[in-house]
Amino acid sequence: MKPRQIVSYMDSYVPGRSQDEIAEELAQHIAALNPHVTAEVYDLAHFEGLKERYQVMSVPCLVVNEDQVTFGKKNIRQLVDILK
């Protein structure tokens, strides 16, 4: 597998266990199991430049290797497929 970087963007203003947190946990879980994958999480409330750079209109938003942008809820199978 080629090295992959997953960046997860979330919104800290969403109360309770949100889809943002689930996406973050999935990305970190995959990164923990695979040395070729890294995962980072950013709160869009504090990183307006990243929000503009990737044209984030909704969360959760996952960016893989700075060029593959996906939005919405993902399960682990969907995330693995994105990383292939």
C-alpha atoms as a PDB file:
ATOM      1  CA  MET A   1       0.000   0.000   0.000  1.00  0.00           C
ATOM      2  CA  LYS A   2       1.230   3.485  -0.866  1.00  0.00           C
ATOM      3  CA  PRO A   3       1.532   5.923   2.060  1.00  0.00           C
ATOM      4  CA  ARG A   4      -1.737   7.721   2.780  1.00  0.00           C
ATOM      5  CA  GLN A   5      -2.489  10.764   4.862  1.00  0.00           C
ATOM      6  CA  ILE A   6      -6.045  11.174   6.132  1.00  0.00           C
ATOM      7  CA  VAL A   7      -7.053  14.599   7.372  1.00  0.00           C
ATOM      8  CA  SER A   8     -10.406  14.820   9.110  1.00  0.00           C
ATOM      9  CA  TYR A   9     -12.170  18.153   9.501  1.00  0.00           C
ATOM     10  CA  MET A  10     -14.760  18.552  12.205  1.00  0.00           C
ATOM     11  CA  ASP A  11     -16.880  21.172  13.918  1.00  0.00           C
ATOM     12  CA  SER A  12     -16.451  21.390  17.683  1.00  0.00           C
ATOM     13  CA  TYR A  13     -19.817  23.098  18.062  1.00  0.00           C
ATOM     14  CA  VAL A  14     -21.803  19.929  17.343  1.00  0.00           C
ATOM     15  CA  PRO A  15     -23.159  18.601  20.674  1.00  0.00           C
ATOM     16  CA  GLY A  16     -23.017  14.936  21.680  1.00  0.00           C
ATOM     17  CA  ARG A  17     -21.338  12.094  19.802  1.00  0.00           C
ATOM     18  CA  SER A  18     -21.335  13.431  16.300  1.00  0.00           C
ATOM     19  CA  GLN A  19     -20.533  11.976  12.892  1.00  0.00           C
ATOM     20  CA  ASP A  20     -17.383  14.115  13.067  1.00  0.00           C
ATOM     21  CA  GLU A  21     -16.124  12.156  16.057  1.00  0.00           C
ATOM     22  CA  ILE A  22     -16.959   8.828  14.431  1.00  0.00           C
ATOM     23  CA  ALA A  23     -15.031   9.794  11.271  1.00  0.00           C
ATOM     24  CA  GLU A  24     -12.106  10.908  13.409  1.00  0.00           C
ATOM     25  CA  GLU A  25     -12.075   7.618  15.321  1.00  0.00           C
ATOM     26  CA  LEU A  26     -12.240   5.527  12.136  1.00  0.00           C
ATOM     27  CA  ALA A  27      -9.325   7.413  10.575  1.00  0.00           C
ATOM     28  CA  GLN A  28      -7.225   7.087  13.716  1.00  0.00           C
ATOM     29  CA  HIS A  29      -8.090   3.387  14.039  1.00  0.00           C
ATOM     30  CA  ILE A  30      -6.939   2.663  10.486  1.00  0.00           C
ATOM     31  CA  ALA A  31      -3.755   4.687  11.060  1.00  0.00           C
ATOM     32  CA  ALA A  32      -3.030   2.734  14.251  1.00  0.00           C
ATOM     33  CA  LEU A  33      -3.326  -0.565  12.363  1.00  0.00           C
ATOM     34  CA  ASN A  34      -1.382   0.423   9.240  1.00  0.00           C
ATOM     35  CA  PRO A  35       2.077   2.053   9.326  1.00  0.00           C
ATOM     36  CA  HIS A  36       1.467   3.499   5.842  1.00  0.00           C
ATOM     37  CA  VAL A  37      -1.461   5.616   7.034  1.00  0.00           C
ATOM     38  CA  THR A  38      -1.372   8.780   9.136  1.00  0.00           C
ATOM     39  CA  ALA A  39      -4.395  10.593  10.504  1.00  0.00           C
ATOM     40  CA  GLU A  40      -4.796  14.206  11.580  1.00  0.00           C
ATOM     41  CA  VAL A  41      -7.858  16.031  12.858  1.00  0.00           C
ATOM     42  CA  TYR A  42      -8.585  19.753  12.620  1.00  0.00           C
ATOM     43  CA  ASP A  43     -11.410  21.780  14.097  1.00  0.00           C
ATOM     44  CA  LEU A  44     -12.599  24.113  11.339  1.00  0.00           C
ATOM     45  CA  ALA A  45     -13.483  26.757  13.893  1.00  0.00           C
ATOM     46  CA  HIS A  46      -9.745  27.307  14.354  1.00  0.00           C
ATOM     47  CA  PHE A  47      -8.461  26.691  10.809  1.00  0.00           C
ATOM     48  CA  GLU A  48     -10.400  28.934   8.424  1.00  0.00           C
ATOM     49  CA  GLY A  49      -7.619  28.721   5.818  1.00  0.00           C
ATOM     50  CA  LEU A  50      -7.978  24.941   5.549  1.00  0.00           C
ATOM     51  CA  LYS A  51     -11.742  25.304   5.252  1.00  0.00           C
ATOM     52  CA  GLU A  52     -11.256  27.615   2.282  1.00  0.00           C
ATOM     53  CA  ARG A  53      -8.422  25.571   0.731  1.00  0.00           C
ATOM     54  CA  TYR A  54     -10.519  22.394   0.532  1.00  0.00           C
ATOM     55  CA  GLN A  55     -13.842  24.201   0.057  1.00  0.00           C
ATOM     56  CA  VAL A  56     -15.343  22.465   3.076  1.00  0.00           C
ATOM     57  CA  MET A  57     -19.078  23.097   3.080  1.00  0.00           C
ATOM     58  CA  SER A  58     -20.107  20.378   5.534  1.00  0.00           C
ATOM     59  CA  VAL A  59     -18.601  18.014   8.071  1.00  0.00           C
ATOM     60  CA  PRO A  60     -17.366  15.426   8.479  1.00  0.00           C
ATOM     61  CA  CYS A  61     -14.934  16.059   5.671  1.00  0.00           C
ATOM     62  CA  LEU A  62     -12.047  13.713   4.925  1.00  0.00           C
ATOM     63  CA  VAL A  63      -9.099  14.691   2.760  1.00  0.00           C
ATOM     64  CA  VAL A  64      -6.745  11.955   1.586  1.00  0.00           C
ATOM     65  CA  ASN A  65      -3.265  12.959   0.413  1.00  0.00           C
ATOM     66  CA  GLU A  66      -4.353  16.592   0.032  1.00  0.00           C
ATOM     67  CA  ASP A  67      -6.282  15.896  -3.181  1.00  0.00           C
ATOM     68  CA  GLN A  68      -9.154  13.458  -2.573  1.00  0.00           C
ATOM     69  CA  VAL A  69     -11.945  15.228  -0.676  1.00  0.00           C
ATOM     70  CA  THR A  70     -15.029  13.386   0.587  1.00  0.00           C
ATOM     71  CA  PHE A  71     -17.953  14.564   2.682  1.00  0.00           C
ATOM     72  CA  GLY A  72     -20.450  12.831   4.916  1.00  0.00           C
ATOM     73  CA  LYS A  73     -20.714   9.819   7.147  1.00  0.00           C
ATOM     74  CA  LYS A  74     -18.467   6.858   6.259  1.00  0.00           C
ATOM     75  CA  ASN A  75     -18.201   3.390   7.723  1.00  0.00           C
ATOM     76  CA  ILE A  76     -14.860   1.639   7.986  1.00  0.00           C
ATOM     77  CA  ARG A  77     -15.362  -0.300   4.720  1.00  0.00           C
ATOM     78  CA  GLN A  78     -16.048   2.924   2.807  1.00  0.00           C
ATOM     79  CA  LEU A  79     -12.970   4.553   4.305  1.00  0.00           C
ATOM     80  CA  VAL A  80     -10.792   1.574   3.372  1.00  0.00           C
ATOM     81  CA  ASP A  81     -12.145   1.732  -0.199  1.00  0.00           C
ATOM     82  CA  ILE A  82     -11.264   5.444  -0.367  1.00  0.00           C
ATOM     83  CA  LEU A  83      -7.709   4.660   0.724  1.00  0.00           C
ATOM     84  CA  LYS A  84      -7.129   2.035  -1.997  1.00  0.00           C
END
